Protein backbone atom coordinates (compact mmCIF):
# COMPACT_ATOMS: atom_id res chain seq x y z
CA UNK A 1 21.98 237.23 233.46
CA UNK A 2 20.27 235.90 230.39
CA UNK A 3 23.59 235.22 228.65
CA UNK A 4 24.44 232.72 231.42
CA UNK A 5 21.49 230.57 230.39
CA UNK A 6 22.74 230.64 226.78
CA UNK A 7 25.98 229.02 228.02
CA UNK A 8 24.12 226.60 230.30
CA UNK A 9 25.55 228.24 233.42
CA UNK A 10 22.95 227.94 236.13
CA UNK A 11 23.35 230.28 239.08
CA UNK A 12 21.45 232.04 241.80
CA UNK A 13 22.15 235.14 243.87
CA UNK A 14 23.01 234.09 247.40
CA UNK A 15 23.89 237.46 248.94
CA UNK A 16 24.25 241.18 248.15
CA UNK A 17 26.36 243.40 250.43
CA UNK A 18 27.72 246.95 250.24
CA UNK A 19 31.37 247.06 249.14
CA UNK A 20 33.24 248.78 251.95
CA UNK A 21 35.92 250.46 249.79
CA UNK A 22 33.71 252.36 247.34
CA UNK A 23 30.42 254.14 248.02
CA UNK A 24 27.43 253.01 245.92
CA UNK A 25 29.18 249.76 245.00
CA UNK A 26 28.00 246.28 245.95
CA UNK A 27 29.33 242.75 246.08
CA UNK A 28 26.99 240.14 244.66
CA UNK A 29 27.60 236.53 245.55
CA UNK A 30 26.44 233.91 243.07
CA UNK A 31 26.07 230.21 243.61
CA UNK A 32 26.94 228.38 240.40
CA UNK A 33 25.64 224.89 239.92
CA UNK A 34 28.52 222.42 239.94
CA UNK A 35 27.43 220.94 236.61
CA UNK A 36 27.86 224.42 235.04
CA UNK A 37 31.48 225.04 236.04
CA UNK A 38 33.00 223.90 232.74
CA UNK A 39 30.85 226.47 230.89
CA UNK A 40 31.90 229.48 232.98
CA UNK A 41 34.98 230.49 230.95
CA UNK A 42 33.12 230.81 227.62
CA UNK A 43 30.41 232.84 229.38
CA UNK A 44 32.96 235.33 230.74
CA UNK A 45 33.68 236.59 227.21
CA UNK A 46 30.14 238.03 227.17
CA UNK A 47 30.85 240.05 230.31
CA UNK A 48 34.26 241.55 229.50
CA UNK A 49 36.86 241.55 226.75
CA UNK A 50 39.80 240.71 229.01
CA UNK A 51 40.18 238.72 232.21
CA UNK A 52 43.04 238.35 234.65
CA UNK A 53 43.13 234.70 235.66
CA UNK A 54 44.37 234.01 239.18
CA UNK A 55 44.25 230.80 241.21
CA UNK A 56 40.52 230.12 241.77
CA UNK A 57 39.62 233.63 240.60
CA UNK A 58 38.87 235.65 237.47
CA UNK A 59 39.05 239.47 237.53
CA UNK A 60 37.93 242.08 234.99
CA UNK A 61 38.13 245.83 235.60
CA UNK A 62 37.67 248.87 233.41
CA UNK A 63 41.01 250.08 234.80
CA UNK A 64 42.87 247.18 233.13
CA UNK A 65 44.54 247.95 229.79
CA UNK A 66 42.43 246.65 226.93
CA UNK A 67 39.52 245.59 229.12
CA UNK A 68 36.01 246.59 228.11
CA UNK A 69 33.12 245.53 230.33
CA UNK A 70 29.96 245.00 228.31
CA UNK A 71 27.42 245.37 231.14
CA UNK A 72 26.37 249.00 231.70
CA UNK A 73 27.41 250.54 235.04
CA UNK A 74 29.58 247.55 235.92
CA UNK A 75 33.15 248.70 236.58
CA UNK A 76 34.76 245.62 238.09
CA UNK A 77 33.86 241.99 238.53
CA UNK A 78 35.63 239.20 240.36
CA UNK A 79 34.51 235.63 240.00
CA UNK A 80 35.84 233.41 242.77
CA UNK A 81 35.66 229.66 242.36
CA UNK A 82 34.87 228.23 245.76
CA UNK A 83 35.81 224.57 246.00
CA UNK A 84 33.79 223.95 249.17
């Protein structure tokens, strides 16, 4: 995710698992450096045009009205903010 570096969001992949609901879909877990958290929201605009903001979670899906995801073959993304 080269655009993450442009926004000074430092992350690493911690786990990749098959998504149980949809075949050929995966969940990717990212660890985001605590010092990067304030830069996450501006970075999201490079991933999708529209985000649903929930408590501790951001969701973008190509099934949402007016949402375009800019990453090829990505249909849905959920970013969960884990306060642990």
